Protein backbone atom coordinates (compact mmCIF):
# COMPACT_ATOMS: atom_id res chain seq x y z
CA MET A 1 -33.37 -10.50 -2.66
CA PHE A 2 -34.63 -10.68 0.96
CA HIS A 3 -35.92 -7.57 2.58
CA GLY A 4 -37.54 -8.73 5.76
CA SER A 5 -37.27 -6.40 8.85
CA ALA A 6 -37.83 -7.00 12.38
CA GLY A 7 -39.45 -3.55 12.70
CA ASP A 8 -40.57 -0.88 10.16
CA GLU A 9 -39.01 -1.39 6.58
CA PRO A 10 -36.46 1.11 5.83
CA ALA A 11 -37.05 3.64 3.28
CA THR A 12 -34.16 2.35 1.19
CA VAL A 13 -35.75 -0.98 0.42
CA ASN A 14 -37.76 -0.01 -2.67
CA ALA A 15 -34.89 1.92 -4.11
CA GLY A 16 -32.42 -0.88 -3.53
CA ILE A 17 -34.82 -3.28 -5.21
CA GLU A 18 -35.48 -0.98 -8.29
CA ALA A 19 -31.54 -0.43 -8.63
CA ILE A 20 -30.61 -4.17 -8.41
CA GLU A 21 -33.52 -5.05 -10.93
CA ARG A 22 -32.17 -2.44 -13.31
CA ILE A 23 -28.65 -3.61 -13.05
CA GLY A 24 -29.41 -7.07 -13.71
CA ASN A 25 -30.84 -6.08 -17.13
CA GLN A 26 -27.51 -4.31 -17.91
CA GLY A 27 -24.19 -5.51 -19.43
CA PRO A 28 -23.48 -8.29 -21.81
CA ALA A 29 -26.21 -11.12 -22.11
CA ALA A 30 -24.11 -13.67 -20.32
CA THR A 31 -23.97 -11.62 -17.31
CA ARG A 32 -27.54 -10.48 -16.93
CA PHE A 33 -29.76 -11.83 -14.11
CA THR A 34 -33.26 -11.72 -12.83
CA VAL A 35 -34.28 -10.80 -9.34
CA ASP A 36 -37.06 -12.36 -7.08
CA ALA A 37 -37.72 -9.99 -4.24
CA THR A 38 -39.43 -11.08 -1.07
CA ALA A 39 -39.85 -10.37 2.79
CA ASP A 40 -40.87 -13.87 3.42
CA ALA A 41 -38.14 -15.57 5.53
CA SER A 42 -39.49 -19.19 5.03
CA VAL A 43 -37.78 -19.09 1.56
CA PHE A 44 -34.63 -20.12 3.46
CA THR A 45 -36.16 -23.47 4.33
CA LYS A 46 -37.26 -24.42 1.01
CA PRO A 47 -35.22 -26.63 -1.63
CA ARG A 48 -35.85 -23.95 -4.28
CA LEU A 49 -33.32 -21.63 -2.63
CA GLY A 50 -30.58 -23.56 -4.24
CA LYS A 51 -31.64 -22.46 -7.70
CA TYR A 52 -30.45 -18.91 -6.87
CA ASN A 53 -26.92 -17.93 -7.64
CA ALA A 54 -26.73 -15.40 -4.90
CA VAL A 55 -29.03 -14.17 -1.74
CA VAL A 56 -29.01 -10.25 -1.36
CA PHE A 57 -29.90 -9.07 2.32
CA LEU A 58 -31.43 -5.54 1.83
CA THR A 59 -32.96 -5.63 5.31
CA GLY A 60 -33.68 -3.58 8.23
CA ALA A 61 -31.97 -4.19 11.57
CA GLY A 62 -33.14 -7.08 14.04
CA ASP A 63 -33.42 -10.87 14.21
CA VAL A 64 -35.09 -11.58 10.93
CA LEU A 65 -34.57 -15.39 10.68
CA ASP A 66 -35.62 -18.25 13.03
CA PRO A 67 -33.15 -20.85 13.85
CA GLU A 68 -34.38 -23.14 11.16
CA GLN A 69 -34.30 -20.40 8.59
CA GLU A 70 -30.57 -19.63 9.49
CA ALA A 71 -29.69 -23.17 9.11
CA GLY A 72 -31.12 -23.13 5.64
CA LEU A 73 -29.06 -19.87 4.74
CA GLU A 74 -26.11 -21.75 6.37
CA ALA A 75 -26.56 -24.84 4.15
CA TYR A 76 -26.95 -22.67 1.15
CA MET A 77 -23.45 -21.16 1.64
CA GLU A 78 -21.94 -24.38 2.38
CA ALA A 79 -23.27 -25.54 -0.92
CA GLY A 80 -21.28 -22.67 -2.72
CA GLY A 81 -23.80 -20.04 -2.64
CA GLY A 82 -23.36 -16.36 -2.86
CA PHE A 83 -24.25 -13.56 -0.37
CA LEU A 84 -24.46 -9.83 -0.73
CA GLY A 85 -25.09 -7.82 2.49
CA ILE A 86 -26.15 -4.20 2.15
CA ARG A 87 -25.80 -1.67 4.98
CA ASP A 88 -28.22 -2.86 7.78
CA ALA A 89 -27.80 -6.29 7.02
CA ALA A 90 -24.96 -5.93 9.32
CA ARG A 91 -27.47 -5.51 12.18
CA ASN A 92 -29.24 -8.71 11.37
CA GLU A 93 -29.18 -11.80 13.64
CA PRO A 94 -27.42 -9.91 16.45
CA TYR A 95 -26.99 -13.19 18.50
CA SER A 96 -25.46 -15.38 15.78
CA ASP A 97 -21.60 -15.97 15.51
CA TRP A 98 -22.11 -17.64 12.13
CA PHE A 99 -23.95 -14.55 10.77
CA SER A 100 -21.48 -12.29 12.16
CA GLY A 101 -18.83 -14.22 10.20
CA LEU A 102 -20.95 -14.03 7.10
CA ILE A 103 -20.99 -10.12 7.23
CA GLY A 104 -17.38 -9.69 8.64
CA ALA A 105 -18.24 -6.85 11.19
CA ARG A 106 -21.06 -5.55 13.38
CA PRO A 107 -21.74 -1.67 13.43
CA ALA A 108 -21.00 0.35 16.63
CA THR A 109 -23.79 2.06 18.41
CA THR A 110 -21.85 5.43 18.01
CA SER A 111 -22.20 5.48 14.35
CA PRO A 112 -23.07 8.89 12.81
CA ALA A 113 -26.85 9.23 12.32
CA THR A 114 -26.84 11.86 9.75
CA ALA A 115 -25.55 11.78 5.93
CA GLN A 116 -22.23 13.38 5.35
CA ARG A 117 -20.24 13.82 2.15
CA ALA A 118 -16.79 11.77 2.38
CA VAL A 119 -14.19 10.25 0.34
CA VAL A 120 -14.13 6.57 -0.35
CA GLU A 121 -10.54 5.29 -1.27
CA VAL A 122 -10.91 2.40 -3.66
CA GLY A 123 -8.02 0.13 -2.77
CA ASP A 124 -8.73 -2.98 -4.96
CA ARG A 125 -8.43 -2.05 -8.78
CA VAL A 126 -9.00 -5.43 -10.07
CA HIS A 127 -12.09 -6.52 -8.25
CA PRO A 128 -15.28 -6.19 -10.52
CA ALA A 129 -17.03 -4.21 -7.65
CA THR A 130 -14.61 -1.57 -7.56
CA LYS A 131 -12.31 -1.66 -10.90
CA GLU A 132 -14.85 1.06 -12.62
CA LEU A 133 -14.75 3.41 -9.58
CA PRO A 134 -12.75 6.55 -9.35
CA LEU A 135 -9.60 6.03 -7.06
CA GLU A 136 -11.06 8.77 -4.76
CA TRP A 137 -14.92 8.34 -4.81
CA LYS A 138 -16.62 11.42 -3.28
CA ARG A 139 -20.29 10.70 -2.15
CA THR A 140 -22.78 11.29 0.41
CA ASP A 141 -24.08 8.62 2.71
CA THR A 142 -24.61 7.69 6.43
CA TRP A 143 -21.40 6.18 7.43
CA LEU A 144 -21.15 3.12 9.88
CA ASN A 145 -18.27 2.71 12.38
CA TRP A 146 -17.35 -0.78 13.30
CA LYS A 147 -17.19 -2.43 16.86
CA ASN A 148 -14.35 -4.40 15.84
CA ASN A 149 -12.25 -3.37 12.66
CA PRO A 150 -12.66 -6.35 10.34
CA SER A 151 -9.21 -5.67 8.45
CA GLY A 152 -7.11 -8.59 8.35
CA THR A 153 -10.09 -10.96 8.40
CA VAL A 154 -11.75 -9.91 5.32
CA HIS A 155 -10.38 -8.58 1.78
CA THR A 156 -11.27 -4.76 2.04
CA VAL A 157 -11.86 -3.35 -1.44
CA ALA A 158 -12.75 0.19 -0.37
CA ARG A 159 -12.20 2.33 2.89
CA VAL A 160 -13.79 5.74 3.77
CA ARG A 161 -11.30 8.37 4.83
CA GLU A 162 -12.20 9.64 8.03
CA SER A 163 -10.60 12.96 7.89
CA SER A 164 -13.10 13.86 4.99
CA TYR A 165 -16.20 13.72 7.40
CA GLN A 166 -17.09 13.74 11.08
CA PRO A 167 -16.97 9.84 12.27
CA GLY A 168 -18.01 10.59 15.72
CA ALA A 169 -16.78 8.90 18.88
CA GLY A 170 -16.55 5.25 17.59
CA ALA A 171 -14.25 6.27 14.62
CA ASN A 172 -11.93 3.33 13.49
CA GLY A 173 -9.10 5.63 12.41
CA ALA A 174 -7.15 5.68 9.15
CA ASP A 175 -8.00 2.21 8.40
CA HIS A 176 -11.83 2.32 7.99
CA PRO A 177 -13.13 -0.45 5.71
CA ILE A 178 -16.63 0.21 4.16
CA SER A 179 -16.68 -2.59 1.37
CA TRP A 180 -15.04 -6.02 1.59
CA CYS A 181 -15.41 -9.56 0.51
CA ARG A 182 -14.15 -12.95 1.42
CA ASP A 183 -14.83 -16.72 0.83
CA TYR A 184 -17.08 -17.90 3.73
CA ASP A 185 -18.09 -21.43 4.79
CA GLY A 186 -17.91 -22.84 1.31
CA GLY A 187 -19.46 -19.70 -0.49
CA ARG A 188 -18.69 -16.17 -1.39
CA SER A 189 -19.61 -13.15 0.73
CA PHE A 190 -19.51 -9.52 -0.15
CA TYR A 191 -20.53 -6.70 2.13
CA THR A 192 -20.89 -2.87 1.99
CA GLY A 193 -21.63 -0.52 4.57
CA MET A 194 -22.82 2.08 2.04
CA GLY A 195 -26.63 2.38 1.05
CA GLY A 196 -27.77 4.44 3.89
CA THR A 197 -29.98 6.77 1.82
CA VAL A 198 -32.45 6.53 -0.93
CA SER A 199 -30.27 8.74 -3.23
CA THR A 200 -27.34 6.28 -2.93
CA PHE A 201 -29.23 3.84 -4.97
CA GLN A 202 -29.74 6.32 -7.82
CA GLU A 203 -25.97 6.69 -8.09
CA THR A 204 -24.51 5.30 -11.37
CA ASP A 205 -21.05 4.57 -9.51
CA PHE A 206 -22.89 2.88 -6.59
CA ARG A 207 -25.12 0.68 -8.95
CA ALA A 208 -21.67 -0.29 -10.48
CA HIS A 209 -20.27 -1.18 -7.27
CA LEU A 210 -23.41 -3.37 -6.56
CA ARG A 211 -23.46 -5.10 -9.87
CA GLY A 212 -19.65 -5.92 -9.62
CA ALA A 213 -20.33 -7.48 -6.30
CA LEU A 214 -23.10 -9.54 -7.57
CA LEU A 215 -21.12 -10.65 -10.58
CA TRP A 216 -18.37 -11.95 -8.09
CA THR A 217 -20.95 -13.58 -5.63
CA THR A 218 -22.78 -15.23 -8.42
CA ARG A 219 -19.53 -16.60 -9.90
CA LEU A 220 -20.05 -14.75 -13.25
CA SER A 221 -16.73 -13.03 -12.64
CA ARG A 222 -13.38 -13.89 -10.79
CA ALA A 223 -11.59 -11.95 -8.32
CA ASP A 224 -8.97 -12.57 -5.45
CA CYS A 225 -10.93 -12.13 -2.19
CA LYS A 226 -8.11 -13.66 -0.03
CA ALA A 227 -5.43 -11.30 -0.81
CA THR A 228 -5.38 -9.26 2.42
CA ILE A 229 -6.54 -11.88 4.96
CA ASN A 230 -3.97 -12.78 7.59
CA ALA A 231 -4.87 -16.27 8.07
CA ASN A 232 -3.87 -16.79 4.39
CA TYR A 233 -0.30 -16.05 5.16
CA LYS A 234 2.48 -17.48 7.25
CA ALA A 235 5.24 -15.30 8.64
CA GLU A 236 8.53 -16.79 8.76
CA ARG A 237 11.66 -14.96 10.23
CA VAL A 238 14.57 -15.50 7.75
CA THR A 239 17.07 -13.50 9.81
CA LYS A 240 18.51 -14.61 13.36
CA PRO A 241 19.33 -11.89 15.96
CA ASN A 242 22.68 -10.23 15.16
CA GLN A 243 25.66 -11.37 17.03
CA PRO A 244 26.66 -8.68 19.76
CA GLY A 245 28.65 -5.81 18.22
CA GLN A 246 27.99 -7.07 14.78
CA SER A 247 25.47 -6.70 11.86
CA ASP A 248 25.91 -10.03 10.68
CA GLN A 249 22.14 -10.61 9.80
CA ILE A 250 20.78 -7.29 9.26
CA GLY A 251 21.62 -3.55 9.33
CA GLU A 252 19.48 -0.61 9.71
CA PRO A 253 16.67 -1.93 7.43
CA HIS A 254 15.96 0.46 4.28
CA GLY A 255 14.94 -1.63 1.32
CA LEU A 256 15.19 -5.01 -0.51
CA VAL A 257 14.67 -6.77 -3.74
CA VAL A 258 14.09 -10.33 -4.60
CA ALA A 259 15.93 -12.11 -7.49
CA ARG A 260 13.94 -14.61 -9.46
CA ASP A 261 15.59 -17.48 -7.95
CA GLY A 262 14.17 -16.38 -4.48
CA ARG A 263 17.33 -14.78 -3.15
CA VAL A 264 16.64 -11.48 -1.28
CA LEU A 265 19.07 -8.75 -1.27
CA TYR A 266 18.38 -6.13 1.53
CA ILE A 267 20.34 -3.04 2.69
CA GLY A 268 21.12 -1.18 5.93
CA ARG A 269 21.11 2.60 5.48
CA GLY A 270 24.34 3.14 7.70
CA GLY A 271 23.55 3.61 11.19
CA GLY A 272 26.34 2.49 13.39
CA ASP A 273 26.23 -0.31 16.08
CA ASN A 274 24.80 0.72 19.31
CA SER A 275 28.05 0.20 21.09
CA ALA A 276 29.95 2.79 18.56
CA PRO A 277 29.92 6.35 19.25
CA VAL A 278 28.09 8.76 17.06
CA VAL A 279 30.14 11.72 15.68
CA THR A 280 28.15 14.90 15.02
CA ASP A 281 31.06 17.29 15.22
CA TRP A 282 31.87 18.75 11.88
CA ASN A 283 35.53 19.29 12.79
CA ASP A 284 35.86 15.57 13.37
CA PRO A 285 36.86 13.79 10.07
CA GLU A 286 34.68 10.76 11.20
CA ILE A 287 31.56 12.86 11.41
CA GLY A 288 28.51 10.71 10.29
CA LYS A 289 30.47 7.66 9.23
CA GLY A 290 28.60 4.54 8.78
CA GLN A 291 28.48 1.19 7.30
CA GLY A 292 25.78 0.84 4.48
CA GLN A 293 25.46 -2.91 4.52
CA ILE A 294 24.29 -5.21 2.00
CA HIS A 295 22.87 -8.65 3.09
CA VAL A 296 21.85 -11.70 0.98
CA TYR A 297 19.33 -14.34 2.13
CA ASP A 298 19.59 -17.60 -0.03
CA PRO A 299 16.56 -19.81 0.26
CA ALA A 300 18.55 -22.58 -1.14
CA THR A 301 20.69 -22.73 2.01
CA GLY A 302 18.49 -20.81 4.54
CA LYS A 303 21.47 -18.60 5.63
CA VAL A 304 22.42 -14.95 5.50
CA THR A 305 25.42 -13.65 4.19
CA LEU A 306 26.86 -10.16 4.68
CA ALA A 307 27.69 -9.64 1.23
CA GLY A 308 29.33 -6.27 1.67
CA ALA A 309 29.41 -2.81 3.40
CA LEU A 310 29.96 0.70 1.86
CA THR A 311 31.60 3.49 3.95
CA VAL A 312 28.72 6.11 3.95
CA PHE A 313 27.90 9.28 5.46
CA GLY A 314 24.66 8.48 7.31
CA ASN A 315 25.22 7.88 10.86
CA LYS A 316 24.58 10.98 12.96
CA GLY A 317 21.95 9.83 15.39
CA GLY A 318 18.75 11.69 16.22
CA GLY A 319 17.82 15.15 17.00
CA ASP A 320 16.65 18.16 15.10
CA GLU A 321 17.21 18.78 11.32
CA LEU A 322 20.47 20.33 11.83
CA ILE A 323 21.85 17.22 13.64
CA LYS A 324 20.19 14.03 12.42
CA ASN A 325 20.76 12.78 8.99
CA GLU A 326 18.99 10.48 6.35
CA GLU A 327 21.71 9.99 4.03
CA GLY A 328 23.55 6.59 3.70
CA LEU A 329 22.86 3.56 1.62
CA LEU A 330 19.46 4.50 0.23
CA GLY A 331 18.41 2.15 -2.46
CA ILE A 332 19.17 -1.18 -4.19
CA GLU A 333 17.98 -2.67 -7.62
CA LEU A 334 18.99 -5.70 -9.48
CA ASP A 335 20.00 -5.75 -13.15
CA PRO A 336 17.31 -7.51 -15.28
CA ASP A 337 19.99 -10.02 -16.23
CA PHE A 338 21.03 -10.32 -12.56
CA LEU A 339 21.22 -14.31 -12.55
CA THR A 340 23.50 -14.25 -15.49
CA ASN A 341 25.65 -11.16 -14.66
CA GLY A 342 25.35 -10.58 -10.93
CA TRP A 343 25.11 -6.84 -11.28
CA VAL A 344 23.69 -4.99 -8.35
CA TYR A 345 22.80 -1.19 -8.60
CA LEU A 346 23.21 0.80 -5.27
CA HIS A 347 22.07 4.51 -4.51
CA TYR A 348 24.33 5.95 -1.78
CA THR A 349 26.28 8.79 -0.08
CA PRO A 350 29.90 7.80 0.08
CA HIS A 351 31.60 9.26 3.25
CA SER A 352 34.77 9.93 1.30
CA ARG A 353 33.15 12.42 -0.86
CA ILE A 354 31.86 14.84 1.94
CA ASN A 355 33.18 18.39 2.37
CA ARG A 356 33.22 19.29 5.92
CA ASP A 357 34.01 23.15 5.20
CA THR A 358 30.90 23.51 2.80
CA GLN A 359 28.69 20.67 4.29
CA MET A 360 28.09 19.36 0.80
CA ALA A 361 28.24 15.60 -0.26
CA GLU A 362 27.76 13.53 -3.39
CA ARG A 363 25.10 11.19 -3.96
CA ARG A 364 25.61 8.47 -6.49
CA VAL A 365 24.16 5.33 -8.31
CA SER A 366 26.80 2.68 -8.75
CA ARG A 367 26.81 -0.87 -10.20
CA PHE A 368 28.62 -3.53 -8.39
CA THR A 369 28.90 -7.18 -9.11
CA LEU A 370 27.79 -10.04 -6.84
CA ASP A 371 29.64 -13.39 -6.91
CA LEU A 372 26.42 -15.53 -7.46
CA LYS A 373 28.20 -18.70 -5.66
CA THR A 374 29.51 -17.13 -2.64
CA ASN A 375 26.89 -14.25 -2.31
CA LYS A 376 29.71 -11.60 -1.95
CA LEU A 377 29.83 -8.28 -3.26
CA ASP A 378 33.02 -7.30 -5.21
CA LEU A 379 33.47 -3.63 -3.94
CA GLY A 380 36.24 -3.14 -6.42
CA SER A 381 33.91 -3.80 -9.31
CA GLU A 382 32.23 -0.31 -8.85
CA LYS A 383 31.05 1.57 -11.94
CA VAL A 384 29.71 4.93 -10.98
CA LEU A 385 26.82 5.77 -13.48
CA LEU A 386 25.55 8.87 -12.07
CA SER A 387 26.49 11.35 -9.24
CA TRP A 388 25.23 14.78 -8.11
CA PRO A 389 25.74 17.18 -5.36
CA VAL A 390 23.60 17.41 -2.26
CA GLN A 391 23.63 19.76 0.85
CA ILE A 392 24.15 17.87 4.22
CA HIS A 393 23.96 20.72 6.58
CA SER A 394 20.38 20.22 7.15
CA CYS A 395 18.19 16.87 7.04
CA CYS A 396 15.90 15.15 5.74
CA HIS A 397 14.16 13.30 2.85
CA ALA A 398 16.92 11.66 0.80
CA GLY A 399 14.71 9.36 -1.25
CA GLY A 400 16.56 6.47 -2.73
CA GLY A 401 14.18 4.07 -4.42
CA MET A 402 14.98 2.44 -8.01
CA SER A 403 12.92 0.47 -10.41
CA TRP A 404 13.17 -0.82 -14.04
CA ASP A 405 10.70 -0.54 -16.81
CA SER A 406 10.16 -2.99 -19.68
CA LYS A 407 12.67 -1.04 -21.88
CA GLY A 408 15.65 -1.59 -19.63
CA ASN A 409 15.43 1.98 -18.39
CA LEU A 410 16.21 2.52 -14.73
CA TYR A 411 14.05 4.81 -12.53
CA ILE A 412 15.75 6.61 -9.57
CA ALA A 413 14.04 8.56 -6.93
CA THR A 414 15.93 11.30 -5.39
CA GLY A 415 14.52 13.24 -2.33
CA ASP A 416 14.63 16.91 -1.82
CA ASN A 417 16.38 17.17 1.59
CA ASN A 418 15.66 20.81 2.19
CA SER A 419 14.21 21.80 5.51
CA SER A 420 10.54 22.52 5.90
CA GLN A 421 10.92 23.82 9.40
CA PHE A 422 11.03 27.41 8.29
CA SER A 423 7.88 27.32 6.22
CA ASP A 424 5.44 25.64 8.88
CA GLY A 425 5.90 22.27 7.48
CA TYR A 426 5.37 23.11 3.79
CA SER A 427 8.21 22.52 1.27
CA GLY A 428 9.99 25.95 1.46
CA ASN A 429 10.74 28.70 -1.11
CA ASN A 430 13.04 30.43 1.32
CA PRO A 431 16.56 31.59 0.03
CA GLN A 432 17.25 32.29 3.93
CA PRO A 433 18.69 30.44 5.94
CA ASN A 434 21.82 29.23 4.03
CA TYR A 435 25.11 27.74 4.83
CA LYS A 436 28.00 29.36 3.11
CA GLY A 437 25.74 30.58 0.18
CA VAL A 438 23.80 27.38 -0.21
CA SER A 439 20.06 27.70 1.05
CA PHE A 440 19.01 24.50 2.87
CA ALA A 441 15.25 25.68 2.97
CA ASP A 442 14.59 26.68 -0.82
CA ALA A 443 13.06 24.16 -3.00
CA ARG A 444 13.45 26.48 -6.08
CA ARG A 445 16.93 25.64 -5.74
CA THR A 446 16.28 21.71 -5.90
CA ALA A 447 12.80 20.08 -6.69
CA GLY A 448 11.83 23.22 -8.46
CA ASN A 449 15.11 23.46 -10.55
CA THR A 450 15.25 21.15 -13.80
CA HIS A 451 19.19 21.70 -13.71
CA ASN A 452 19.30 20.03 -10.09
CA LEU A 453 18.71 16.30 -9.75
CA ASN A 454 17.39 16.43 -6.19
CA GLY A 455 13.65 16.01 -5.58
CA LYS A 456 13.03 14.19 -8.87
CA ILE A 457 12.37 10.75 -10.59
CA LEU A 458 15.23 10.33 -12.92
CA ARG A 459 15.32 7.98 -15.71
CA ILE A 460 18.49 6.58 -17.43
CA HIS A 461 19.25 3.72 -19.68
CA PRO A 462 22.41 1.85 -18.01
CA GLU A 463 24.78 0.44 -20.64
CA ASP A 464 27.12 -2.69 -20.35
CA ASP A 465 30.26 -0.68 -19.99
CA GLY A 466 29.00 1.23 -17.00
CA THR A 467 27.82 4.45 -18.53
CA TYR A 468 24.25 5.33 -19.46
CA THR A 469 22.26 7.01 -22.03
CA LEU A 470 19.29 9.10 -21.65
CA PRO A 471 15.97 7.94 -23.11
CA ARG A 472 13.96 11.01 -22.53
CA ALA A 473 13.45 13.65 -19.74
CA ILE A 474 13.28 13.72 -15.91
CA SER A 475 10.34 14.12 -13.77
CA SER A 476 9.99 17.39 -11.66
CA PRO A 477 9.29 18.27 -8.84
CA ALA A 478 8.82 15.85 -6.11
CA ARG A 479 9.32 16.31 -2.63
CA SER A 480 10.31 12.81 -1.09
CA PRO A 481 9.94 10.05 -3.61
CA MET A 482 11.32 7.31 -1.37
CA ARG A 483 10.22 4.29 -3.54
CA ALA A 484 9.51 4.05 -7.33
CA GLY A 485 7.69 1.44 -9.42
CA ALA A 486 7.09 1.09 -13.17
CA ARG A 487 4.30 -0.78 -14.76
CA PRO A 488 5.75 -2.94 -17.44
CA VAL A 489 2.51 -3.00 -19.80
CA ALA A 490 2.00 0.75 -19.77
CA ARG A 491 5.94 1.51 -19.51
CA SER A 492 5.02 4.41 -17.11
CA MET A 493 5.37 5.46 -13.57
């Protein structure tokens, strides 16, 4: 553990040394380690550096290594060494591009100087440095801003929520990394911007954070530090531009699913072609009529097929909540045995079921059959599993996502499309205003009502004959559950 400083040694050094020595003696015997602490930078030019599994920089700011010493650290990393940088380590070697890459980011000069309580959002729930931490970790520290946001060049395991403290003029915004890792120049590098106060090193959770980071950098534990680094991915466009006046490649994107053979089925909500007029007059039978399209990309041929289109209520253009609309083709899911039976489940609002007088509609979940050879959807094969009424006088938040659990139960996310503009943006509990006796601003009628299927996460068990059985209960309430997912192991949302 290197704690050399170009100026006065920070008060946090002794606390950091004590903390890391203590956590080295914790845990199973196979994961314990010993610590050698030094402020002598000549250690980086000595052969014995190679005997260490990791190097920790618990330093003050400034240029602490001469060129030969930095070359020694570089050779150590190239040989597969591990590096953990804490807090002001990001201010070391300010003229070294290689060291900048090792750290991942440099602090901005406008970082707040005083300690503040903030919320750390733990994003990676698998990495040993964060898996034991609370999802929202509330703690006090002096928080660093970054000259350049490292997201995309490092794998961020935790972020600090700027809305929970005062980040100052150099704020990084909603995406403010605070701890990250990556493979670097043959070795493993982990950095945390926390550790700006003595008391930080006395926190149980922060010590667990450091211990997990060291387990990874010393190769005593595994983790994926490549997951969110842009350079590890290649983006390939699989759809071509639509032909003029057509949606032969893609509609208004609203969801997709990937089959086990690599086929991608994706849906367009139901917005019309730009050349087609948008009908908003309730006296016109064509009001809101759109095409909810289902496309299939087949990797075997590299081609896109327009599998089919449902005539939906969902095309009313833009405007305020009494004009625009978010209904249409809302969700898609494949049967667990899709590659055998070709069954596709669609969540949509059929235009044929709207009532222009009462301005009510029907939302439904139906099963269709896809021809697995032609990638064409048989619209005549529809089996309506579930349907329920929705008001369409006002917009928005229609929901639409679906997901399976390991027992063959289908979860359906239904939005509560009541207006919030009559209650200062909050979910309203207002019986007024209403349209022909149906309030469009009262969540007690919908999300807060167990006899109403809007604003819920529903669970049904589809049967082969196109009906369903009920495994248990429904979830209530939920304002706008757009997408849902189930964990197969836990069998829970």
